[in-house]
Amino acid sequence: MPGPILHLGAVVTCTHGGPATPTAPFARVLVSGQPVATQPGPWAITGCAAIPCVTGSYLVAATRVFAGGQPVVLMDSVSTTTPTGSPMIPVMAQTRVIGS
């Protein structure tokens, strides 16, 4: 399903409100001046208040848009966190570039 592409400046949290940041954004492709997030890269989660979520990863990403041969992460991509298994929640992202 089409959706906005997530980038380094996108606001993503775990379900407990801890901010998540991509640890390996693809710097050669920029959206709104920020590197895009790709599926294989883990996300670091800090400040999780409950059972601490430490890292997050995307299980399903874009099927038609790639950066460096890796699928880019979309706002509606499916994710999970470790160790809780809850999803990450994209709160805010750029809306000019849509992928599918």
PDB file of N, CA and C in Angstrom:
ATOM      1  N   MET A   1       0.843  -1.173   0.000  1.00  0.00           N
ATOM      2  CA  MET A   1       0.000   0.000   0.000  1.00  0.00           C
ATOM      3  C   MET A   1       0.896   1.247   0.000  1.00  0.00           C
ATOM      4  N   PRO A   2       0.606   2.240  -0.803  1.00  0.00           N
ATOM      5  CA  PRO A   2       1.446   3.438  -0.856  1.00  0.00           C
ATOM      6  C   PRO A   2       1.438   4.213   0.455  1.00  0.00           C
ATOM      7  N   GLY A   3       2.582   4.817   0.750  1.00  0.00           N
ATOM      8  CA  GLY A   3       2.681   5.627   1.959  1.00  0.00           C
ATOM      9  C   GLY A   3       3.921   6.491   1.922  1.00  0.00           C
ATOM     10  N   PRO A   4       3.983   7.500   2.785  1.00  0.00           N
ATOM     11  CA  PRO A   4       5.166   8.361   2.859  1.00  0.00           C
ATOM     12  C   PRO A   4       6.413   7.564   3.256  1.00  0.00           C
ATOM     13  N   ILE A   5       7.543   7.921   2.663  1.00  0.00           N
ATOM     14  CA  ILE A   5       8.819   7.275   2.976  1.00  0.00           C
ATOM     15  C   ILE A   5       9.367   7.868   4.269  1.00  0.00           C
ATOM     16  N   LEU A   6       9.840   6.993   5.166  1.00  0.00           N
ATOM     17  CA  LEU A   6      10.436   7.457   6.422  1.00  0.00           C
ATOM     18  C   LEU A   6      11.894   7.826   6.193  1.00  0.00           C
ATOM     19  N   HIS A   7      12.353   8.846   6.897  1.00  0.00           N
ATOM     20  CA  HIS A   7      13.731   9.304   6.785  1.00  0.00           C
ATOM     21  C   HIS A   7      14.297   9.520   8.182  1.00  0.00           C
ATOM     22  N   LEU A   8      15.536   9.964   8.254  1.00  0.00           N
ATOM     23  CA  LEU A   8      16.215  10.149   9.533  1.00  0.00           C
ATOM     24  C   LEU A   8      15.474  11.111  10.454  1.00  0.00           C
ATOM     25  N   GLY A   9      14.807  12.114   9.902  1.00  0.00           N
ATOM     26  CA  GLY A   9      14.105  13.102  10.715  1.00  0.00           C
ATOM     27  C   GLY A   9      12.675  12.735  11.064  1.00  0.00           C
ATOM     28  N   ALA A  10      12.194  11.573  10.616  1.00  0.00           N
ATOM     29  CA  ALA A  10      10.823  11.157  10.930  1.00  0.00           C
ATOM     30  C   ALA A  10      10.702  10.865  12.424  1.00  0.00           C
ATOM     31  N   VAL A  11       9.533  11.149  12.978  1.00  0.00           N
ATOM     32  CA  VAL A  11       9.280  10.866  14.394  1.00  0.00           C
ATOM     33  C   VAL A  11       8.632   9.492  14.490  1.00  0.00           C
ATOM     34  N   VAL A  12       9.376   8.552  15.075  1.00  0.00           N
ATOM     35  CA  VAL A  12       8.899   7.180  15.256  1.00  0.00           C
ATOM     36  C   VAL A  12       9.103   6.829  16.724  1.00  0.00           C
ATOM     37  N   THR A  13       8.106   6.175  17.337  1.00  0.00           N
ATOM     38  CA  THR A  13       8.224   5.779  18.741  1.00  0.00           C
ATOM     39  C   THR A  13       7.849   4.308  18.897  1.00  0.00           C
ATOM     40  N   CYS A  14       8.242   3.738  20.041  1.00  0.00           N
ATOM     41  CA  CYS A  14       7.714   2.421  20.393  1.00  0.00           C
ATOM     42  C   CYS A  14       6.326   2.666  20.984  1.00  0.00           C
ATOM     43  N   THR A  15       5.583   1.624  21.272  1.00  0.00           N
ATOM     44  CA  THR A  15       4.220   1.807  21.783  1.00  0.00           C
ATOM     45  C   THR A  15       4.201   2.436  23.168  1.00  0.00           C
ATOM     46  N   HIS A  16       5.354   2.463  23.846  1.00  0.00           N
ATOM     47  CA  HIS A  16       5.439   3.061  25.178  1.00  0.00           C
ATOM     48  C   HIS A  16       5.927   4.507  25.132  1.00  0.00           C
ATOM     49  N   GLY A  17       6.171   5.037  23.938  1.00  0.00           N
ATOM     50  CA  GLY A  17       6.564   6.434  23.779  1.00  0.00           C
ATOM     51  C   GLY A  17       8.049   6.687  23.665  1.00  0.00           C
ATOM     52  N   GLY A  18       8.869   5.648  23.678  1.00  0.00           N
ATOM     53  CA  GLY A  18      10.314   5.837  23.531  1.00  0.00           C
ATOM     54  C   GLY A  18      10.671   6.156  22.094  1.00  0.00           C
ATOM     55  N   PRO A  19      11.446   7.226  21.856  1.00  0.00           N
ATOM     56  CA  PRO A  19      11.799   7.590  20.479  1.00  0.00           C
ATOM     57  C   PRO A  19      12.703   6.554  19.815  1.00  0.00           C
ATOM     58  N   ALA A  20      12.432   6.290  18.543  1.00  0.00           N
ATOM     59  CA  ALA A  20      13.214   5.335  17.752  1.00  0.00           C
ATOM     60  C   ALA A  20      13.930   6.078  16.630  1.00  0.00           C
ATOM     61  N   THR A  21      15.196   5.729  16.404  1.00  0.00           N
ATOM     62  CA  THR A  21      16.013   6.372  15.383  1.00  0.00           C
ATOM     63  C   THR A  21      16.680   5.305  14.524  1.00  0.00           C
ATOM     64  N   PRO A  22      16.650   5.455  13.193  1.00  0.00           N
ATOM     65  CA  PRO A  22      17.337   4.460  12.356  1.00  0.00           C
ATOM     66  C   PRO A  22      18.846   4.536  12.574  1.00  0.00           C
ATOM     67  N   THR A  23      19.490   3.388  12.757  1.00  0.00           N
ATOM     68  CA  THR A  23      20.930   3.386  13.009  1.00  0.00           C
ATOM     69  C   THR A  23      21.748   3.362  11.723  1.00  0.00           C
ATOM     70  N   ALA A  24      21.125   2.993  10.607  1.00  0.00           N
ATOM     71  CA  ALA A  24      21.856   2.917   9.347  1.00  0.00           C
ATOM     72  C   ALA A  24      21.033   3.492   8.199  1.00  0.00           C
ATOM     73  N   PRO A  25      20.720   4.805   8.229  1.00  0.00           N
ATOM     74  CA  PRO A  25      19.982   5.380   7.096  1.00  0.00           C
ATOM     75  C   PRO A  25      20.869   5.385   5.850  1.00  0.00           C
ATOM     76  N   PHE A  26      20.246   5.362   4.675  1.00  0.00           N
ATOM     77  CA  PHE A  26      20.988   5.339   3.414  1.00  0.00           C
ATOM     78  C   PHE A  26      21.239   6.781   2.975  1.00  0.00           C
ATOM     79  N   ALA A  27      22.455   7.258   3.168  1.00  0.00           N
ATOM     80  CA  ALA A  27      22.795   8.671   2.980  1.00  0.00           C
ATOM     81  C   ALA A  27      22.842   9.126   1.523  1.00  0.00           C
ATOM     82  N   ARG A  28      22.865   8.212   0.560  1.00  0.00           N
ATOM     83  CA  ARG A  28      22.945   8.621  -0.843  1.00  0.00           C
ATOM     84  C   ARG A  28      21.599   8.981  -1.437  1.00  0.00           C
ATOM     85  N   VAL A  29      20.515   8.664  -0.726  1.00  0.00           N
ATOM     86  CA  VAL A  29      19.169   9.035  -1.178  1.00  0.00           C
ATOM     87  C   VAL A  29      18.546   9.906  -0.097  1.00  0.00           C
ATOM     88  N   LEU A  30      18.189  11.142  -0.475  1.00  0.00           N
ATOM     89  CA  LEU A  30      17.636  12.089   0.492  1.00  0.00           C
ATOM     90  C   LEU A  30      16.172  12.383   0.200  1.00  0.00           C
ATOM     91  N   VAL A  31      15.394  12.541   1.257  1.00  0.00           N
ATOM     92  CA  VAL A  31      14.006  12.975   1.165  1.00  0.00           C
ATOM     93  C   VAL A  31      13.881  14.122   2.155  1.00  0.00           C
ATOM     94  N   SER A  32      13.425  15.269   1.684  1.00  0.00           N
ATOM     95  CA  SER A  32      13.361  16.471   2.523  1.00  0.00           C
ATOM     96  C   SER A  32      14.721  16.764   3.155  1.00  0.00           C
ATOM     97  N   GLY A  33      15.790  16.487   2.412  1.00  0.00           N
ATOM     98  CA  GLY A  33      17.139  16.766   2.886  1.00  0.00           C
ATOM     99  C   GLY A  33      17.667  15.787   3.917  1.00  0.00           C
ATOM    100  N   GLN A  34      16.955  14.695   4.158  1.00  0.00           N
ATOM    101  CA  GLN A  34      17.349  13.701   5.167  1.00  0.00           C
ATOM    102  C   GLN A  34      17.548  12.337   4.499  1.00  0.00           C
ATOM    103  N   PRO A  35      18.518  11.535   4.970  1.00  0.00           N
ATOM    104  CA  PRO A  35      18.699  10.189   4.419  1.00  0.00           C
ATOM    105  C   PRO A  35      17.478   9.306   4.683  1.00  0.00           C
ATOM    106  N   VAL A  36      17.155   8.436   3.729  1.00  0.00           N
ATOM    107  CA  VAL A  36      15.997   7.546   3.882  1.00  0.00           C
ATOM    108  C   VAL A  36      16.348   6.357   4.770  1.00  0.00           C
ATOM    109  N   ALA A  37      15.326   5.796   5.408  1.00  0.00           N
ATOM    110  CA  ALA A  37      15.494   4.588   6.220  1.00  0.00           C
ATOM    111  C   ALA A  37      15.214   3.377   5.340  1.00  0.00           C
ATOM    112  N   THR A  38      16.067   2.358   5.441  1.00  0.00           N
ATOM    113  CA  THR A  38      15.863   1.127   4.682  1.00  0.00           C
ATOM    114  C   THR A  38      15.524  -0.020   5.632  1.00  0.00           C
ATOM    115  N   GLN A  39      14.928  -1.060   5.093  1.00  0.00           N
ATOM    116  CA  GLN A  39      14.416  -2.154   5.921  1.00  0.00           C
ATOM    117  C   GLN A  39      15.476  -2.882   6.752  1.00  0.00           C
ATOM    118  N   PRO A  40      16.635  -3.258   6.214  1.00  0.00           N
ATOM    119  CA  PRO A  40      17.545  -4.069   7.031  1.00  0.00           C
ATOM    120  C   PRO A  40      18.133  -3.341   8.231  1.00  0.00           C
ATOM    121  N   GLY A  41      18.183  -2.034   8.185  1.00  0.00           N
ATOM    122  CA  GLY A  41      18.803  -1.292   9.280  1.00  0.00           C
ATOM    123  C   GLY A  41      17.993  -1.338  10.564  1.00  0.00           C
ATOM    124  N   PRO A  42      18.623  -1.667  11.698  1.00  0.00           N
ATOM    125  CA  PRO A  42      17.891  -1.650  12.971  1.00  0.00           C
ATOM    126  C   PRO A  42      17.628  -0.224  13.439  1.00  0.00           C
ATOM    127  N   TRP A  43      16.654  -0.068  14.302  1.00  0.00           N
ATOM    128  CA  TRP A  43      16.311   1.220  14.888  1.00  0.00           C
ATOM    129  C   TRP A  43      16.656   1.178  16.370  1.00  0.00           C
ATOM    130  N   ALA A  44      17.337   2.189  16.878  1.00  0.00           N
ATOM    131  CA  ALA A  44      17.673   2.277  18.300  1.00  0.00           C
ATOM    132  C   ALA A  44      16.528   2.968  19.030  1.00  0.00           C
ATOM    133  N   ILE A  45      16.095   2.391  20.133  1.00  0.00           N
ATOM    134  CA  ILE A  45      15.011   2.968  20.933  1.00  0.00           C
ATOM    135  C   ILE A  45      15.581   3.372  22.283  1.00  0.00           C
ATOM    136  N   THR A  46      15.379   4.634  22.646  1.00  0.00           N
ATOM    137  CA  THR A  46      15.874   5.139  23.927  1.00  0.00           C
ATOM    138  C   THR A  46      14.717   5.702  24.730  1.00  0.00           C
ATOM    139  N   GLY A  47      14.828   5.668  26.032  1.00  0.00           N
ATOM    140  CA  GLY A  47      13.832   6.304  26.888  1.00  0.00           C
ATOM    141  C   GLY A  47      12.502   5.595  26.966  1.00  0.00           C
ATOM    142  N   CYS A  48      12.458   4.297  26.713  1.00  0.00           N
ATOM    143  CA  CYS A  48      11.206   3.552  26.835  1.00  0.00           C
ATOM    144  C   CYS A  48      10.887   3.399  28.320  1.00  0.00           C
ATOM    145  N   ALA A  49       9.676   3.782  28.710  1.00  0.00           N
ATOM    146  CA  ALA A  49       9.309   3.823  30.127  1.00  0.00           C
ATOM    147  C   ALA A  49       8.900   2.470  30.694  1.00  0.00           C
ATOM    148  N   ALA A  50       8.294   1.628  29.911  1.00  0.00           N
ATOM    149  CA  ALA A  50       7.800   0.342  30.420  1.00  0.00           C
ATOM    150  C   ALA A  50       8.931  -0.691  30.393  1.00  0.00           C
ATOM    151  N   ILE A  51       8.578  -1.937  30.116  1.00  0.00           N
ATOM    152  CA  ILE A  51       9.622  -2.945  29.894  1.00  0.00           C
ATOM    153  C   ILE A  51      10.440  -2.401  28.735  1.00  0.00           C
ATOM    154  N   PRO A  52      11.702  -2.079  28.955  1.00  0.00           N
ATOM    155  CA  PRO A  52      12.406  -1.269  27.959  1.00  0.00           C
ATOM    156  C   PRO A  52      12.564  -1.924  26.589  1.00  0.00           C
ATOM    157  N   CYS A  53      11.993  -1.262  25.593  1.00  0.00           N
ATOM    158  CA  CYS A  53      12.254  -1.631  24.205  1.00  0.00           C
ATOM    159  C   CYS A  53      13.664  -1.136  23.902  1.00  0.00           C
ATOM    160  N   VAL A  54      14.485  -1.956  23.286  1.00  0.00           N
ATOM    161  CA  VAL A  54      15.874  -1.608  23.034  1.00  0.00           C
ATOM    162  C   VAL A  54      16.119  -1.319  21.557  1.00  0.00           C
ATOM    163  N   THR A  55      15.638  -2.215  20.702  1.00  0.00           N
ATOM    164  CA  THR A  55      15.796  -2.031  19.262  1.00  0.00           C
ATOM    165  C   THR A  55      14.483  -2.340  18.563  1.00  0.00           C
ATOM    166  N   GLY A  56      14.383  -1.844  17.352  1.00  0.00           N
ATOM    167  CA  GLY A  56      13.218  -2.115  16.524  1.00  0.00           C
ATOM    168  C   GLY A  56      13.673  -2.490  15.132  1.00  0.00           C
ATOM    169  N   SER A  57      12.834  -3.194  14.412  1.00  0.00           N
ATOM    170  CA  SER A  57      13.143  -3.534  13.027  1.00  0.00           C
ATOM    171  C   SER A  57      11.843  -3.608  12.238  1.00  0.00           C
ATOM    172  N   TYR A  58      11.975  -3.382  10.945  1.00  0.00           N
ATOM    173  CA  TYR A  58      10.816  -3.448  10.057  1.00  0.00           C
ATOM    174  C   TYR A  58      10.796  -4.802   9.366  1.00  0.00           C
ATOM    175  N   LEU A  59       9.653  -5.463   9.424  1.00  0.00           N
ATOM    176  CA  LEU A  59       9.487  -6.789   8.833  1.00  0.00           C
ATOM    177  C   LEU A  59       9.036  -6.706   7.384  1.00  0.00           C
ATOM    178  N   VAL A  60       8.213  -5.716   7.068  1.00  0.00           N
ATOM    179  CA  VAL A  60       7.692  -5.508   5.720  1.00  0.00           C
ATOM    180  C   VAL A  60       7.921  -4.048   5.363  1.00  0.00           C
ATOM    181  N   ALA A  61       8.448  -3.803   4.168  1.00  0.00           N
ATOM    182  CA  ALA A  61       8.708  -2.432   3.716  1.00  0.00           C
ATOM    183  C   ALA A  61       8.207  -2.289   2.276  1.00  0.00           C
ATOM    184  N   ALA A  62       8.694  -1.277   1.579  1.00  0.00           N
ATOM    185  CA  ALA A  62       8.248  -1.015   0.209  1.00  0.00           C
ATOM    186  C   ALA A  62       8.567  -2.201  -0.704  1.00  0.00           C
ATOM    187  N   THR A  63       7.714  -2.410  -1.686  1.00  0.00           N
ATOM    188  CA  THR A  63       7.948  -3.485  -2.653  1.00  0.00           C
ATOM    189  C   THR A  63       8.423  -2.953  -3.999  1.00  0.00           C
ATOM    190  N   ARG A  64       8.295  -1.637  -4.211  1.00  0.00           N
ATOM    191  CA  ARG A  64       8.658  -1.069  -5.510  1.00  0.00           C
ATOM    192  C   ARG A  64       9.682   0.049  -5.434  1.00  0.00           C
ATOM    193  N   VAL A  65      10.051   0.496  -4.235  1.00  0.00           N
ATOM    194  CA  VAL A  65      11.014   1.593  -4.096  1.00  0.00           C
ATOM    195  C   VAL A  65      12.194   1.099  -3.266  1.00  0.00           C
ATOM    196  N   PHE A  66      13.399   1.240  -3.840  1.00  0.00           N
ATOM    197  CA  PHE A  66      14.606   0.737  -3.187  1.00  0.00           C
ATOM    198  C   PHE A  66      15.666   1.824  -3.127  1.00  0.00           C
ATOM    199  N   ALA A  67      16.549   1.732  -2.136  1.00  0.00           N
ATOM    200  CA  ALA A  67      17.706   2.619  -2.017  1.00  0.00           C
ATOM    201  C   ALA A  67      18.908   1.723  -1.750  1.00  0.00           C
ATOM    202  N   GLY A  68      19.867   1.740  -2.659  1.00  0.00           N
ATOM    203  CA  GLY A  68      21.024   0.869  -2.509  1.00  0.00           C
ATOM    204  C   GLY A  68      20.663  -0.607  -2.549  1.00  0.00           C
ATOM    205  N   GLY A  69      19.607  -0.951  -3.271  1.00  0.00           N
ATOM    206  CA  GLY A  69      19.173  -2.331  -3.381  1.00  0.00           C
ATOM    207  C   GLY A  69      18.327  -2.829  -2.217  1.00  0.00           C
ATOM    208  N   GLN A  70      18.059  -1.959  -1.235  1.00  0.00           N
ATOM    209  CA  GLN A  70      17.265  -2.339  -0.067  1.00  0.00           C
ATOM    210  C   GLN A  70      15.925  -1.613  -0.101  1.00  0.00           C
ATOM    211  N   PRO A  71      14.832  -2.265   0.312  1.00  0.00           N
ATOM    212  CA  PRO A  71      13.534  -1.587   0.323  1.00  0.00           C
ATOM    213  C   PRO A  71      13.506  -0.453   1.341  1.00  0.00           C
ATOM    214  N   VAL A  72      12.905   0.665   0.956  1.00  0.00           N
ATOM    215  CA  VAL A  72      12.778   1.785   1.892  1.00  0.00           C
ATOM    216  C   VAL A  72      11.608   1.515   2.836  1.00  0.00           C
ATOM    217  N   VAL A  73      11.656   2.155   3.999  1.00  0.00           N
ATOM    218  CA  VAL A  73      10.605   1.985   5.001  1.00  0.00           C
ATOM    219  C   VAL A  73       9.519   3.025   4.760  1.00  0.00           C
ATOM    220  N   LEU A  74       8.274   2.578   4.755  1.00  0.00           N
ATOM    221  CA  LEU A  74       7.128   3.465   4.559  1.00  0.00           C
ATOM    222  C   LEU A  74       6.416   3.687   5.889  1.00  0.00           C
ATOM    223  N   MET A  75       5.579   4.697   5.926  1.00  0.00           N
ATOM    224  CA  MET A  75       4.853   5.010   7.155  1.00  0.00           C
ATOM    225  C   MET A  75       3.929   3.862   7.571  1.00  0.00           C
ATOM    226  N   ASP A  76       3.469   3.055   6.620  1.00  0.00           N
ATOM    227  CA  ASP A  76       2.572   1.944   6.968  1.00  0.00           C
ATOM    228  C   ASP A  76       3.281   0.586   6.989  1.00  0.00           C
ATOM    229  N   SER A  77       4.621   0.591   7.008  1.00  0.00           N
ATOM    230  CA  SER A  77       5.372  -0.662   7.059  1.00  0.00           C
ATOM    231  C   SER A  77       5.179  -1.361   8.405  1.00  0.00           C
ATOM    232  N   VAL A  78       5.283  -2.683   8.389  1.00  0.00           N
ATOM    233  CA  VAL A  78       5.085  -3.501   9.593  1.00  0.00           C
ATOM    234  C   VAL A  78       6.403  -3.615  10.355  1.00  0.00           C
ATOM    235  N   SER A  79       6.349  -3.381  11.680  1.00  0.00           N
ATOM    236  CA  SER A  79       7.563  -3.397  12.496  1.00  0.00           C
ATOM    237  C   SER A  79       7.365  -4.181  13.782  1.00  0.00           C
ATOM    238  N   THR A  80       8.472  -4.425  14.470  1.00  0.00           N
ATOM    239  CA  THR A  80       8.448  -5.063  15.781  1.00  0.00           C
ATOM    240  C   THR A  80       9.603  -4.517  16.614  1.00  0.00           C
ATOM    241  N   THR A  81       9.484  -4.641  17.935  1.00  0.00           N
ATOM    242  CA  THR A  81      10.555  -4.198  18.824  1.00  0.00           C
ATOM    243  C   THR A  81      11.070  -5.383  19.629  1.00  0.00           C
ATOM    244  N   THR A  82      12.293  -5.238  20.105  1.00  0.00           N
ATOM    245  CA  THR A  82      12.909  -6.262  20.947  1.00  0.00           C
ATOM    246  C   THR A  82      13.156  -5.648  22.315  1.00  0.00           C
ATOM    247  N   PRO A  83      12.823  -6.271  23.384  1.00  0.00           N
ATOM    248  CA  PRO A  83      12.336  -7.630  23.578  1.00  0.00           C
ATOM    249  C   PRO A  83      10.819  -7.760  23.666  1.00  0.00           C
ATOM    250  N   THR A  84      10.062  -6.679  23.588  1.00  0.00           N
ATOM    251  CA  THR A  84       8.618  -6.751  23.853  1.00  0.00           C
ATOM    252  C   THR A  84       7.790  -7.297  22.702  1.00  0.00           C
ATOM    253  N   GLY A  85       8.236  -7.129  21.468  1.00  0.00           N
ATOM    254  CA  GLY A  85       7.476  -7.596  20.312  1.00  0.00           C
ATOM    255  C   GLY A  85       6.369  -6.659  19.872  1.00  0.00           C
ATOM    256  N   SER A  86       6.247  -5.506  20.514  1.00  0.00           N
ATOM    257  CA  SER A  86       5.223  -4.535  20.118  1.00  0.00           C
ATOM    258  C   SER A  86       5.702  -3.752  18.895  1.00  0.00           C
ATOM    259  N   PRO A  87       4.785  -3.152  18.141  1.00  0.00           N
ATOM    260  CA  PRO A  87       5.193  -2.425  16.929  1.00  0.00           C
ATOM    261  C   PRO A  87       5.741  -1.035  17.244  1.00  0.00           C
ATOM    262  N   MET A  88       6.493  -0.498  16.279  1.00  0.00           N
ATOM    263  CA  MET A  88       6.890   0.910  16.345  1.00  0.00           C
ATOM    264  C   MET A  88       5.795   1.720  15.669  1.00  0.00           C
ATOM    265  N   ILE A  89       5.628   2.961  16.105  1.00  0.00           N
ATOM    266  CA  ILE A  89       4.554   3.806  15.588  1.00  0.00           C
ATOM    267  C   ILE A  89       5.151   5.050  14.935  1.00  0.00           C
ATOM    268  N   PRO A  90       5.036   5.191  13.600  1.00  0.00           N
ATOM    269  CA  PRO A  90       5.462   6.432  12.959  1.00  0.00           C
ATOM    270  C   PRO A  90       4.450   7.530  13.290  1.00  0.00           C
ATOM    271  N   VAL A  91       4.911   8.595  13.899  1.00  0.00           N
ATOM    272  CA  VAL A  91       4.033   9.679  14.321  1.00  0.00           C
ATOM    273  C   VAL A  91       4.007  10.786  13.277  1.00  0.00           C
ATOM    274  N   MET A  92       5.176  11.120  12.740  1.00  0.00           N
ATOM    275  CA  MET A  92       5.254  12.215  11.781  1.00  0.00           C
ATOM    276  C   MET A  92       6.374  11.931  10.782  1.00  0.00           C
ATOM    277  N   ALA A  93       6.089  12.182   9.512  1.00  0.00           N
ATOM    278  CA  ALA A  93       7.082  12.008   8.455  1.00  0.00           C
ATOM    279  C   ALA A  93       6.793  13.008   7.343  1.00  0.00           C
ATOM    280  N   GLN A  94       7.738  13.138   6.437  1.00  0.00           N
ATOM    281  CA  GLN A  94       7.525  14.003   5.278  1.00  0.00           C
ATOM    282  C   GLN A  94       6.387  13.416   4.448  1.00  0.00           C
ATOM    283  N   THR A  95       5.697  14.246   3.695  1.00  0.00           N
ATOM    284  CA  THR A  95       4.554  13.765   2.912  1.00  0.00           C
ATOM    285  C   THR A  95       4.701  14.014   1.413  1.00  0.00           C
ATOM    286  N   ARG A  96       5.845  14.543   0.989  1.00  0.00           N
ATOM    287  CA  ARG A  96       6.014  14.860  -0.429  1.00  0.00           C
ATOM    288  C   ARG A  96       6.383  13.656  -1.279  1.00  0.00           C
ATOM    289  N   VAL A  97       7.109  12.699  -0.705  1.00  0.00           N
ATOM    290  CA  VAL A  97       7.554  11.540  -1.476  1.00  0.00           C
ATOM    291  C   VAL A  97       6.817  10.305  -0.969  1.00  0.00           C
ATOM    292  N   ILE A  98       6.073   9.672  -1.879  1.00  0.00           N
ATOM    293  CA  ILE A  98       5.262   8.506  -1.543  1.00  0.00           C
ATOM    294  C   ILE A  98       5.865   7.288  -2.235  1.00  0.00           C
ATOM    295  N   GLY A  99       5.938   6.182  -1.518  1.00  0.00           N
ATOM    296  CA  GLY A  99       6.449   4.937  -2.087  1.00  0.00           C
ATOM    297  C   GLY A  99       5.409   3.843  -1.968  1.00  0.00           C
ATOM    298  N   SER A 100       5.656   2.755  -2.659  1.00  0.00           N
ATOM    299  CA  SER A 100       4.757   1.596  -2.530  1.00  0.00           C
ATOM    300  C   SER A 100       5.553   0.314  -2.628  1.00  0.00           C
TER     301      SER A 100
END
